[in-house]
C-alpha cells in the first residue's frame, strides 16, 4: 500500500505529465532557449528556427516563415536634414542618401 501511495505522489508532482519531472525539464528548456523540446525537434527536422514562444507572441511559428516587407523609401539630402519619400525624386540630379559607396552591396 505504501508503494502505491509513493507512486501516486510522484505522479501528482509531475504536473500534467505522466512522467515525473517532465514538466520541470520542459520549463527549463523554455526558460533557457525560448523553445520547447518539441520545438527543438521540429527545428532540427525542418532546418528552420521554430518556437512556440514566438507563436504565443502572435508571430509565425518559424522565423523563416515571417513575411518580409520591403518598403520603397527614397531619401535625399535637403538643406539641413535628410527627407524621405515613397517614390523617387523626379529630379535626376539628386543622389539618394541610402545608396552610396559604403552600403552599395548591402
N, C-alpha and C. Protein backbone atom coordinates (compact mmCIF):
# COMPACT_ATOMS: atom_id res chain seq x y z
N UNK A 1 0.82 -1.19 0.00
CA UNK A 1 0.00 0.00 0.00
C UNK A 1 0.87 1.26 0.00
N UNK A 2 1.98 1.20 0.69
CA UNK A 2 2.88 2.35 0.78
C UNK A 2 3.47 2.66 -0.60
N UNK A 3 3.81 1.65 -1.39
CA UNK A 3 4.38 1.84 -2.73
C UNK A 3 3.39 2.55 -3.63
N UNK A 4 2.12 2.19 -3.55
CA UNK A 4 1.09 2.83 -4.37
C UNK A 4 0.97 4.30 -3.99
N UNK A 5 1.04 4.61 -2.69
CA UNK A 5 0.96 5.99 -2.24
C UNK A 5 2.15 6.80 -2.76
N UNK A 6 3.34 6.23 -2.75
CA UNK A 6 4.54 6.92 -3.25
C UNK A 6 4.42 7.16 -4.75
N UNK A 7 3.98 6.16 -5.50
CA UNK A 7 3.82 6.32 -6.94
C UNK A 7 2.75 7.36 -7.27
N UNK A 8 1.67 7.38 -6.52
CA UNK A 8 0.62 8.38 -6.75
C UNK A 8 1.14 9.78 -6.46
N UNK A 9 1.93 9.92 -5.41
CA UNK A 9 2.50 11.22 -5.07
C UNK A 9 3.45 11.69 -6.17
N UNK A 10 4.29 10.80 -6.70
CA UNK A 10 5.20 11.16 -7.79
C UNK A 10 4.44 11.57 -9.04
N UNK A 11 3.34 10.89 -9.31
CA UNK A 11 2.52 11.24 -10.47
C UNK A 11 1.94 12.64 -10.31
N UNK A 12 1.49 12.99 -9.11
CA UNK A 12 0.94 14.33 -8.88
C UNK A 12 2.03 15.40 -8.94
N UNK A 13 3.23 15.07 -8.49
CA UNK A 13 4.32 16.04 -8.55
C UNK A 13 4.78 16.31 -9.97
N UNK A 14 4.50 15.41 -10.88
CA UNK A 14 4.89 15.58 -12.27
C UNK A 14 4.04 16.59 -13.01
N UNK A 15 3.02 17.13 -12.39
CA UNK A 15 2.15 18.10 -13.06
C UNK A 15 1.20 17.37 -13.99
N UNK A 16 1.00 17.91 -15.17
CA UNK A 16 0.09 17.32 -16.14
C UNK A 16 0.73 16.15 -16.88
N UNK A 17 1.97 15.91 -16.66
CA UNK A 17 2.71 14.88 -17.36
C UNK A 17 2.63 13.55 -16.61
N UNK A 18 2.64 12.47 -17.36
CA UNK A 18 2.65 11.15 -16.76
C UNK A 18 4.06 10.79 -16.27
N UNK A 19 5.07 11.45 -16.82
CA UNK A 19 6.46 11.18 -16.43
C UNK A 19 6.88 12.21 -15.40
N UNK A 20 7.25 11.78 -14.20
CA UNK A 20 7.66 12.74 -13.16
C UNK A 20 8.87 13.55 -13.60
N UNK A 21 8.82 14.85 -13.41
CA UNK A 21 9.94 15.71 -13.76
C UNK A 21 9.89 16.24 -15.18
N UNK A 22 9.03 15.72 -16.03
CA UNK A 22 8.98 16.16 -17.43
C UNK A 22 8.61 17.64 -17.53
N UNK A 23 7.63 18.06 -16.74
CA UNK A 23 7.20 19.46 -16.79
C UNK A 23 8.33 20.39 -16.36
N UNK A 24 9.11 19.96 -15.39
CA UNK A 24 10.22 20.79 -14.94
C UNK A 24 11.31 20.89 -16.01
N UNK A 25 11.60 19.79 -16.67
CA UNK A 25 12.60 19.79 -17.74
C UNK A 25 12.11 20.65 -18.90
N UNK A 26 10.83 20.50 -19.24
CA UNK A 26 10.24 21.29 -20.32
C UNK A 26 10.32 22.78 -19.98
N UNK A 27 10.03 23.13 -18.73
CA UNK A 27 10.12 24.52 -18.29
C UNK A 27 11.54 25.05 -18.38
N UNK A 28 12.51 24.23 -18.02
CA UNK A 28 13.91 24.65 -18.11
C UNK A 28 14.31 24.90 -19.56
N UNK A 29 13.82 24.06 -20.47
CA UNK A 29 14.10 24.26 -21.90
C UNK A 29 13.53 25.59 -22.37
N UNK A 30 12.29 25.88 -22.00
CA UNK A 30 11.64 27.11 -22.46
C UNK A 30 12.34 28.34 -21.88
N UNK A 31 12.69 28.29 -20.62
CA UNK A 31 13.37 29.44 -20.00
C UNK A 31 14.75 29.63 -20.61
N UNK A 32 15.46 28.56 -20.86
CA UNK A 32 16.83 28.66 -21.36
C UNK A 32 16.94 28.98 -22.83
N UNK A 33 16.00 28.47 -23.65
CA UNK A 33 16.16 28.61 -25.10
C UNK A 33 14.96 29.23 -25.81
N UNK A 34 13.90 29.55 -25.10
CA UNK A 34 12.65 30.03 -25.70
C UNK A 34 12.03 29.01 -26.64
N UNK A 35 12.37 27.74 -26.45
CA UNK A 35 11.82 26.65 -27.26
C UNK A 35 11.49 25.47 -26.37
N UNK A 36 10.42 24.76 -26.71
CA UNK A 36 10.12 23.52 -26.01
C UNK A 36 10.98 22.41 -26.62
N UNK A 37 10.96 21.24 -26.01
CA UNK A 37 11.71 20.12 -26.58
C UNK A 37 11.17 19.77 -27.96
N UNK A 38 9.84 19.85 -28.11
CA UNK A 38 9.23 19.56 -29.41
C UNK A 38 9.68 20.58 -30.46
N UNK A 39 9.81 21.85 -30.05
CA UNK A 39 10.29 22.89 -30.97
C UNK A 39 11.69 22.59 -31.46
N UNK A 40 12.54 22.08 -30.57
CA UNK A 40 13.90 21.71 -30.98
C UNK A 40 13.87 20.61 -32.03
N UNK A 41 12.98 19.63 -31.85
CA UNK A 41 12.88 18.54 -32.83
C UNK A 41 12.38 19.08 -34.16
N UNK A 42 11.33 19.90 -34.13
CA UNK A 42 10.78 20.48 -35.37
C UNK A 42 11.84 21.33 -36.06
N UNK A 43 12.59 22.12 -35.30
CA UNK A 43 13.64 22.96 -35.88
C UNK A 43 14.73 22.11 -36.52
N UNK A 44 15.09 21.02 -35.86
CA UNK A 44 16.13 20.14 -36.39
C UNK A 44 15.68 19.47 -37.68
N UNK A 45 14.44 18.99 -37.70
CA UNK A 45 13.92 18.28 -38.88
C UNK A 45 13.69 19.24 -40.05
N UNK A 46 13.13 20.41 -39.76
CA UNK A 46 12.77 21.34 -40.84
C UNK A 46 13.93 22.23 -41.28
N UNK A 47 14.94 22.37 -40.43
CA UNK A 47 16.05 23.26 -40.76
C UNK A 47 15.70 24.72 -40.52
N UNK A 48 14.59 24.97 -39.84
CA UNK A 48 14.16 26.34 -39.55
C UNK A 48 14.26 26.60 -38.06
N UNK A 49 14.15 27.85 -37.67
CA UNK A 49 14.18 28.24 -36.26
C UNK A 49 12.73 28.42 -35.80
N UNK A 50 12.14 27.36 -35.23
CA UNK A 50 10.73 27.36 -34.85
C UNK A 50 10.58 27.38 -33.34
N UNK A 51 9.52 28.08 -32.86
CA UNK A 51 9.33 28.20 -31.42
C UNK A 51 7.87 28.47 -31.09
N UNK A 52 7.37 27.77 -30.08
CA UNK A 52 6.02 28.00 -29.59
C UNK A 52 5.93 29.36 -28.92
N UNK A 53 7.03 29.82 -28.32
CA UNK A 53 7.04 31.13 -27.67
C UNK A 53 6.78 32.22 -28.71
N UNK A 54 7.35 32.09 -29.90
CA UNK A 54 7.07 33.04 -30.99
C UNK A 54 5.59 33.04 -31.33
N UNK A 55 5.01 31.86 -31.38
CA UNK A 55 3.58 31.73 -31.71
C UNK A 55 2.71 32.41 -30.67
N UNK A 56 3.10 32.31 -29.40
CA UNK A 56 2.37 32.96 -28.31
C UNK A 56 2.45 34.49 -28.39
N UNK A 57 3.48 35.00 -29.06
CA UNK A 57 3.65 36.45 -29.23
C UNK A 57 2.99 36.93 -30.52
N UNK A 58 2.12 36.11 -31.12
CA UNK A 58 1.42 36.42 -32.38
C UNK A 58 2.37 36.61 -33.56
N UNK A 59 3.48 35.87 -33.54
CA UNK A 59 4.40 35.83 -34.68
C UNK A 59 4.22 34.49 -35.36
N UNK A 60 4.90 34.28 -36.47
CA UNK A 60 4.84 32.98 -37.13
C UNK A 60 5.60 31.96 -36.28
N UNK A 61 5.24 30.69 -36.45
CA UNK A 61 5.88 29.63 -35.67
C UNK A 61 7.37 29.55 -35.97
N UNK A 62 7.75 29.69 -37.24
CA UNK A 62 9.16 29.65 -37.62
C UNK A 62 9.60 31.04 -38.09
N UNK A 63 10.82 31.43 -37.74
CA UNK A 63 11.34 32.74 -38.11
C UNK A 63 11.37 32.89 -39.62
N UNK A 64 11.75 31.84 -40.32
CA UNK A 64 11.89 31.91 -41.78
C UNK A 64 10.55 32.08 -42.49
N UNK A 65 9.44 31.79 -41.81
CA UNK A 65 8.12 31.95 -42.42
C UNK A 65 7.56 33.36 -42.25
N UNK A 66 8.28 34.20 -41.53
CA UNK A 66 7.84 35.58 -41.31
C UNK A 66 7.90 36.33 -42.64
N UNK A 67 6.81 36.99 -43.02
CA UNK A 67 6.85 37.73 -44.30
C UNK A 67 7.78 38.93 -44.20
N UNK A 68 8.57 39.12 -45.24
CA UNK A 68 9.50 40.25 -45.28
C UNK A 68 8.85 41.35 -46.11
N UNK A 69 8.62 42.47 -45.48
CA UNK A 69 8.00 43.60 -46.17
C UNK A 69 9.09 44.60 -46.48
N UNK A 70 9.36 44.76 -47.76
CA UNK A 70 10.39 45.69 -48.19
C UNK A 70 9.72 46.98 -48.62
N UNK A 71 9.98 48.02 -47.88
CA UNK A 71 9.40 49.31 -48.21
C UNK A 71 10.27 50.03 -49.21
N UNK A 72 9.63 50.71 -50.12
CA UNK A 72 10.36 51.55 -51.05
C UNK A 72 10.45 52.94 -50.45
N UNK A 73 11.61 53.25 -49.93
CA UNK A 73 11.84 54.56 -49.33
C UNK A 73 13.01 55.19 -50.06
N UNK A 74 12.80 56.43 -50.47
CA UNK A 74 13.81 57.16 -51.21
C UNK A 74 14.18 58.39 -50.38
N UNK A 75 15.43 58.43 -49.90
CA UNK A 75 15.88 59.51 -49.03
C UNK A 75 16.90 60.37 -49.77
N UNK A 76 16.71 61.70 -49.61
CA UNK A 76 17.59 62.67 -50.27
C UNK A 76 18.01 63.71 -49.25
N UNK A 77 19.23 64.21 -49.43
CA UNK A 77 19.74 65.25 -48.54
C UNK A 77 19.08 66.58 -48.93
N UNK A 78 18.52 67.26 -47.95
CA UNK A 78 17.96 68.58 -48.17
C UNK A 78 18.84 69.59 -47.46
N UNK A 79 18.36 70.78 -47.28
CA UNK A 79 19.19 71.87 -46.76
C UNK A 79 19.86 71.53 -45.43
N UNK A 80 19.10 71.05 -44.45
CA UNK A 80 19.70 70.80 -43.14
C UNK A 80 19.47 69.39 -42.63
N UNK A 81 18.79 68.58 -43.41
CA UNK A 81 18.44 67.24 -42.92
C UNK A 81 18.28 66.29 -44.10
N UNK A 82 17.83 65.11 -43.82
CA UNK A 82 17.52 64.12 -44.85
C UNK A 82 16.00 63.96 -44.88
N UNK A 83 15.43 64.00 -46.08
CA UNK A 83 13.98 63.85 -46.24
C UNK A 83 13.72 62.60 -47.07
N UNK A 84 12.75 61.80 -46.63
CA UNK A 84 12.43 60.54 -47.31
C UNK A 84 11.03 60.60 -47.92
N UNK A 85 10.88 59.92 -49.06
CA UNK A 85 9.62 59.89 -49.79
C UNK A 85 9.28 58.44 -50.15
N UNK A 86 8.04 58.22 -50.59
CA UNK A 86 7.63 56.88 -51.00
C UNK A 86 7.86 56.62 -52.49
N UNK A 87 8.32 57.63 -53.23
CA UNK A 87 8.63 57.45 -54.65
C UNK A 87 9.89 58.24 -54.98
N UNK A 88 10.55 57.89 -56.06
CA UNK A 88 11.81 58.58 -56.39
C UNK A 88 11.58 60.06 -56.72
N UNK A 89 12.60 60.84 -56.48
CA UNK A 89 12.55 62.26 -56.79
C UNK A 89 12.59 62.43 -58.31
N UNK A 90 11.71 63.25 -58.86
CA UNK A 90 11.72 63.43 -60.32
C UNK A 90 12.97 64.15 -60.83
N UNK A 91 13.70 64.81 -59.94
CA UNK A 91 14.93 65.49 -60.33
C UNK A 91 16.06 64.46 -60.40
N UNK A 92 16.51 64.09 -61.60
CA UNK A 92 17.53 63.03 -61.71
C UNK A 92 18.90 63.44 -61.18
N UNK A 93 19.12 64.69 -60.91
CA UNK A 93 20.42 65.15 -60.44
C UNK A 93 20.65 64.88 -58.96
N UNK A 94 19.61 64.65 -58.21
CA UNK A 94 19.77 64.41 -56.77
C UNK A 94 20.12 62.96 -56.52
N UNK A 95 21.08 62.76 -55.65
CA UNK A 95 21.55 61.42 -55.34
C UNK A 95 20.93 60.93 -54.03
N UNK A 96 20.47 59.70 -54.04
CA UNK A 96 19.87 59.13 -52.83
C UNK A 96 20.92 58.99 -51.74
N UNK A 97 20.51 59.26 -50.51
CA UNK A 97 21.43 59.19 -49.38
C UNK A 97 21.72 57.73 -49.02
N UNK A 98 20.73 56.86 -49.17
CA UNK A 98 20.93 55.47 -48.76
C UNK A 98 21.69 54.64 -49.78
N UNK A 99 22.02 55.19 -50.93
CA UNK A 99 22.83 54.49 -51.93
C UNK A 99 24.15 55.22 -52.09
N UNK A 100 25.15 54.76 -51.37
CA UNK A 100 26.48 55.35 -51.52
C UNK A 100 27.52 54.25 -51.50
N UNK A 101 28.77 54.63 -51.56
CA UNK A 101 29.84 53.64 -51.67
C UNK A 101 29.93 52.74 -50.46
N UNK A 102 29.57 53.21 -49.27
CA UNK A 102 29.70 52.40 -48.06
C UNK A 102 28.69 51.27 -47.99
N UNK A 103 27.50 51.46 -48.54
CA UNK A 103 26.46 50.43 -48.38
C UNK A 103 25.84 49.96 -49.69
N UNK A 104 26.57 50.07 -50.78
CA UNK A 104 26.04 49.64 -52.07
C UNK A 104 25.73 48.15 -52.10
N UNK A 105 26.60 47.33 -51.56
CA UNK A 105 26.42 45.89 -51.62
C UNK A 105 25.54 45.33 -50.53
N UNK A 106 25.03 46.13 -49.65
CA UNK A 106 24.26 45.63 -48.50
C UNK A 106 22.79 45.74 -48.73
